[in-house]
């Protein structure tokens, strides 16, 4: 069985203020939200978004060690998952 996880970074931007743009790892959403709050406190209008530039495909099968494959887009991750489903075999290391 294969599953897709979005591991893309979060990005905070302020229009016309490139110096305030920051990116945060996928697991630090609370930190990104706190940064947005600090910008709002300065009367700015930040935009929090996800970059959608990193996905992982986890392959789990009973009796076989879990494997993780990396993809640069959701489309690529879905293609990997479909290929694994058609082949019926886990990828080789």
N, C-alpha and C. Protein backbone atom coordinates (compact mmCIF):
# COMPACT_ATOMS: atom_id res chain seq x y z
N UNK A 1 0.84 -1.18 0.00
CA UNK A 1 0.00 0.00 0.00
C UNK A 1 0.89 1.24 0.00
N UNK A 2 0.57 2.20 -0.84
CA UNK A 2 1.34 3.44 -0.93
C UNK A 2 0.45 4.62 -0.54
N UNK A 3 1.05 5.58 0.14
CA UNK A 3 0.32 6.80 0.50
C UNK A 3 1.18 8.01 0.16
N UNK A 4 0.52 9.13 -0.09
CA UNK A 4 1.21 10.36 -0.46
C UNK A 4 1.07 11.37 0.68
N UNK A 5 2.20 11.99 1.05
CA UNK A 5 2.20 13.01 2.09
C UNK A 5 2.81 14.29 1.52
N UNK A 6 2.18 15.41 1.82
CA UNK A 6 2.71 16.71 1.40
C UNK A 6 3.72 17.18 2.45
N UNK A 7 4.97 17.30 2.06
CA UNK A 7 6.03 17.75 2.96
C UNK A 7 6.59 19.09 2.49
N UNK A 8 5.77 19.85 1.80
CA UNK A 8 6.20 21.14 1.27
C UNK A 8 6.34 22.18 2.38
N UNK A 9 7.18 23.16 2.11
CA UNK A 9 7.41 24.23 3.08
C UNK A 9 6.25 25.23 3.06
N UNK A 10 6.11 25.94 4.17
CA UNK A 10 5.15 27.03 4.28
C UNK A 10 5.89 28.33 3.98
N UNK A 11 5.21 29.26 3.34
CA UNK A 11 5.84 30.54 3.01
C UNK A 11 4.93 31.68 3.45
N UNK A 12 5.56 32.68 4.08
CA UNK A 12 4.85 33.89 4.46
C UNK A 12 5.40 35.02 3.61
N UNK A 13 4.50 35.75 2.94
CA UNK A 13 4.89 36.85 2.07
C UNK A 13 4.06 38.08 2.40
N UNK A 14 4.64 39.25 2.14
CA UNK A 14 3.93 40.52 2.23
C UNK A 14 4.14 41.21 0.89
N UNK A 15 3.05 41.60 0.26
CA UNK A 15 3.11 42.24 -1.05
C UNK A 15 4.04 43.46 -1.02
N UNK A 16 4.91 43.53 -2.01
CA UNK A 16 5.89 44.63 -2.17
C UNK A 16 6.92 44.72 -1.04
N UNK A 17 7.07 43.65 -0.27
CA UNK A 17 8.06 43.63 0.81
C UNK A 17 8.81 42.29 0.79
N UNK A 18 9.66 42.10 -0.22
CA UNK A 18 10.41 40.86 -0.35
C UNK A 18 11.31 40.60 0.86
N UNK A 19 11.72 41.65 1.55
CA UNK A 19 12.59 41.49 2.70
C UNK A 19 11.90 40.78 3.87
N UNK A 20 10.57 40.69 3.85
CA UNK A 20 9.83 40.04 4.92
C UNK A 20 9.43 38.60 4.58
N UNK A 21 9.72 38.15 3.36
CA UNK A 21 9.37 36.79 2.95
C UNK A 21 10.23 35.78 3.70
N UNK A 22 9.55 34.78 4.29
CA UNK A 22 10.25 33.71 5.00
C UNK A 22 9.58 32.39 4.66
N UNK A 23 10.39 31.33 4.65
CA UNK A 23 9.86 29.98 4.47
C UNK A 23 10.12 29.18 5.73
N UNK A 24 9.23 28.23 6.00
CA UNK A 24 9.30 27.41 7.19
C UNK A 24 9.13 25.94 6.81
N UNK A 25 9.82 25.02 7.49
CA UNK A 25 9.64 23.59 7.20
C UNK A 25 8.19 23.16 7.37
N UNK A 26 7.84 22.05 6.72
CA UNK A 26 6.45 21.57 6.73
C UNK A 26 5.90 21.35 8.13
N UNK A 27 6.76 21.01 9.07
CA UNK A 27 6.30 20.68 10.41
C UNK A 27 6.29 21.89 11.36
N UNK A 28 6.57 23.08 10.85
CA UNK A 28 6.59 24.28 11.68
C UNK A 28 5.49 25.28 11.31
N UNK A 29 4.31 24.77 11.01
CA UNK A 29 3.19 25.64 10.70
C UNK A 29 2.88 26.61 11.85
N UNK A 30 2.91 26.17 13.11
CA UNK A 30 2.65 27.13 14.20
C UNK A 30 3.65 28.29 14.22
N UNK A 31 4.89 28.04 13.87
CA UNK A 31 5.90 29.09 13.82
C UNK A 31 5.58 30.07 12.68
N UNK A 32 5.16 29.54 11.54
CA UNK A 32 4.79 30.38 10.41
C UNK A 32 3.58 31.24 10.76
N UNK A 33 2.61 30.65 11.46
CA UNK A 33 1.43 31.40 11.87
C UNK A 33 1.79 32.50 12.87
N UNK A 34 2.72 32.21 13.77
CA UNK A 34 3.17 33.21 14.74
C UNK A 34 3.86 34.37 14.03
N UNK A 35 4.65 34.05 12.99
CA UNK A 35 5.29 35.11 12.20
C UNK A 35 4.24 35.98 11.52
N UNK A 36 3.19 35.36 10.99
CA UNK A 36 2.09 36.11 10.38
C UNK A 36 1.46 37.04 11.40
N UNK A 37 1.23 36.54 12.60
CA UNK A 37 0.63 37.36 13.66
C UNK A 37 1.52 38.56 13.98
N UNK A 38 2.84 38.33 14.03
CA UNK A 38 3.75 39.45 14.34
C UNK A 38 3.71 40.50 13.23
N UNK A 39 3.54 40.07 11.99
CA UNK A 39 3.44 41.01 10.88
C UNK A 39 2.10 41.78 10.93
N UNK A 40 1.04 41.07 11.29
CA UNK A 40 -0.26 41.73 11.42
C UNK A 40 -0.23 42.79 12.52
N UNK A 41 0.52 42.50 13.58
CA UNK A 41 0.66 43.46 14.68
C UNK A 41 1.34 44.75 14.21
N UNK A 42 2.11 44.63 13.12
CA UNK A 42 2.78 45.80 12.53
C UNK A 42 1.91 46.45 11.45
N UNK A 43 0.64 46.07 11.40
CA UNK A 43 -0.34 46.60 10.44
C UNK A 43 -0.04 46.21 9.00
N UNK A 44 0.63 45.06 8.82
CA UNK A 44 0.91 44.53 7.48
C UNK A 44 -0.11 43.45 7.16
N UNK A 45 -0.17 43.06 5.90
CA UNK A 45 -1.11 42.03 5.46
C UNK A 45 -0.34 40.83 4.89
N UNK A 46 0.14 39.94 5.75
CA UNK A 46 0.89 38.78 5.27
C UNK A 46 -0.01 37.73 4.64
N UNK A 47 0.59 36.94 3.76
CA UNK A 47 -0.12 35.84 3.12
C UNK A 47 0.65 34.56 3.44
N UNK A 48 -0.02 33.60 4.06
CA UNK A 48 0.58 32.31 4.39
C UNK A 48 0.13 31.30 3.35
N UNK A 49 1.10 30.62 2.74
CA UNK A 49 0.75 29.62 1.72
C UNK A 49 1.70 28.43 1.82
N UNK A 50 1.35 27.39 1.11
CA UNK A 50 2.18 26.19 1.05
C UNK A 50 2.77 26.12 -0.36
N UNK A 51 4.04 25.79 -0.46
CA UNK A 51 4.72 25.84 -1.76
C UNK A 51 4.39 24.66 -2.67
N UNK A 52 3.93 23.55 -2.14
CA UNK A 52 3.62 22.35 -2.94
C UNK A 52 4.79 21.94 -3.82
N UNK A 53 5.97 21.86 -3.22
CA UNK A 53 7.17 21.51 -3.98
C UNK A 53 7.87 20.25 -3.48
N UNK A 54 7.28 19.56 -2.50
CA UNK A 54 7.93 18.35 -1.99
C UNK A 54 6.88 17.39 -1.44
N UNK A 55 6.82 16.22 -2.03
CA UNK A 55 5.89 15.18 -1.60
C UNK A 55 6.67 13.89 -1.37
N UNK A 56 6.16 13.06 -0.48
CA UNK A 56 6.77 11.74 -0.31
C UNK A 56 5.69 10.68 -0.54
N UNK A 57 6.14 9.56 -1.08
CA UNK A 57 5.27 8.41 -1.28
C UNK A 57 5.78 7.33 -0.35
N UNK A 58 4.97 6.95 0.64
CA UNK A 58 5.34 5.90 1.58
C UNK A 58 4.79 4.58 1.07
N UNK A 59 5.66 3.57 1.03
CA UNK A 59 5.26 2.25 0.57
C UNK A 59 5.33 1.32 1.77
N UNK A 60 4.18 0.75 2.12
CA UNK A 60 4.12 -0.18 3.26
C UNK A 60 3.47 -1.47 2.80
N UNK A 61 4.15 -2.56 3.07
CA UNK A 61 3.61 -3.89 2.79
C UNK A 61 4.00 -4.81 3.94
N UNK A 62 3.08 -5.65 4.32
CA UNK A 62 3.34 -6.58 5.41
C UNK A 62 4.53 -7.48 5.06
N UNK A 63 5.47 -7.56 5.97
CA UNK A 63 6.63 -8.41 5.78
C UNK A 63 7.77 -7.76 5.01
N UNK A 64 7.58 -6.52 4.55
CA UNK A 64 8.60 -5.81 3.78
C UNK A 64 8.87 -4.48 4.48
N UNK A 65 10.14 -4.10 4.56
CA UNK A 65 10.52 -2.84 5.21
C UNK A 65 9.89 -1.65 4.49
N UNK A 66 9.39 -0.68 5.27
CA UNK A 66 8.79 0.53 4.71
C UNK A 66 9.81 1.29 3.86
N UNK A 67 9.34 1.84 2.74
CA UNK A 67 10.23 2.63 1.88
C UNK A 67 9.59 3.98 1.60
N UNK A 68 10.44 4.98 1.38
CA UNK A 68 9.96 6.34 1.12
C UNK A 68 10.59 6.83 -0.18
N UNK A 69 9.73 7.31 -1.10
CA UNK A 69 10.18 7.87 -2.37
C UNK A 69 9.81 9.35 -2.40
N UNK A 70 10.65 10.17 -3.00
CA UNK A 70 10.45 11.61 -3.02
C UNK A 70 9.98 12.08 -4.40
N UNK A 71 9.10 13.10 -4.39
CA UNK A 71 8.58 13.67 -5.63
C UNK A 71 8.54 15.19 -5.50
N UNK A 72 8.69 15.88 -6.63
CA UNK A 72 8.70 17.35 -6.64
C UNK A 72 7.33 17.96 -6.85
N UNK A 73 6.33 17.14 -7.18
CA UNK A 73 4.99 17.66 -7.39
C UNK A 73 3.98 16.57 -7.03
N UNK A 74 2.74 16.99 -6.82
CA UNK A 74 1.69 16.03 -6.52
C UNK A 74 1.46 15.10 -7.71
N UNK A 75 1.53 15.66 -8.90
CA UNK A 75 1.35 14.84 -10.11
C UNK A 75 2.40 13.74 -10.19
N UNK A 76 3.65 14.09 -9.92
CA UNK A 76 4.73 13.11 -9.95
C UNK A 76 4.52 12.05 -8.87
N UNK A 77 4.07 12.45 -7.68
CA UNK A 77 3.82 11.51 -6.60
C UNK A 77 2.69 10.54 -6.98
N UNK A 78 1.64 11.07 -7.61
CA UNK A 78 0.53 10.22 -8.04
C UNK A 78 0.98 9.24 -9.13
N UNK A 79 1.87 9.67 -10.01
CA UNK A 79 2.40 8.77 -11.04
C UNK A 79 3.20 7.64 -10.41
N UNK A 80 4.00 7.97 -9.41
CA UNK A 80 4.78 6.95 -8.70
C UNK A 80 3.84 5.95 -8.04
N UNK A 81 2.82 6.46 -7.36
CA UNK A 81 1.87 5.60 -6.66
C UNK A 81 1.15 4.68 -7.65
N UNK A 82 0.74 5.24 -8.79
CA UNK A 82 0.03 4.44 -9.81
C UNK A 82 0.96 3.37 -10.38
N UNK A 83 2.20 3.73 -10.63
CA UNK A 83 3.17 2.77 -11.17
C UNK A 83 3.38 1.62 -10.18
N UNK A 84 3.47 1.94 -8.91
CA UNK A 84 3.64 0.90 -7.89
C UNK A 84 2.42 0.00 -7.82
N UNK A 85 1.24 0.59 -7.97
CA UNK A 85 0.00 -0.20 -7.93
C UNK A 85 -0.06 -1.16 -9.11
N UNK A 86 0.33 -0.68 -10.29
CA UNK A 86 0.30 -1.51 -11.50
C UNK A 86 1.33 -2.64 -11.40
N UNK A 87 2.54 -2.30 -10.92
CA UNK A 87 3.60 -3.30 -10.81
C UNK A 87 3.32 -4.29 -9.69
N UNK A 88 2.69 -3.82 -8.63
CA UNK A 88 2.40 -4.70 -7.51
C UNK A 88 3.61 -5.06 -6.68
N UNK A 89 4.74 -4.41 -6.93
CA UNK A 89 5.96 -4.69 -6.20
C UNK A 89 6.51 -3.42 -5.59
N UNK A 90 7.15 -3.51 -4.42
CA UNK A 90 7.78 -2.33 -3.85
C UNK A 90 9.01 -1.95 -4.65
N UNK A 91 9.42 -0.68 -4.63
CA UNK A 91 10.62 -0.26 -5.37
C UNK A 91 11.87 -0.85 -4.74
N UNK A 92 12.87 -1.05 -5.58
CA UNK A 92 14.14 -1.55 -5.04
C UNK A 92 14.96 -0.37 -4.53
N UNK A 93 15.80 -0.65 -3.54
CA UNK A 93 16.61 0.40 -2.94
C UNK A 93 17.73 0.81 -3.84
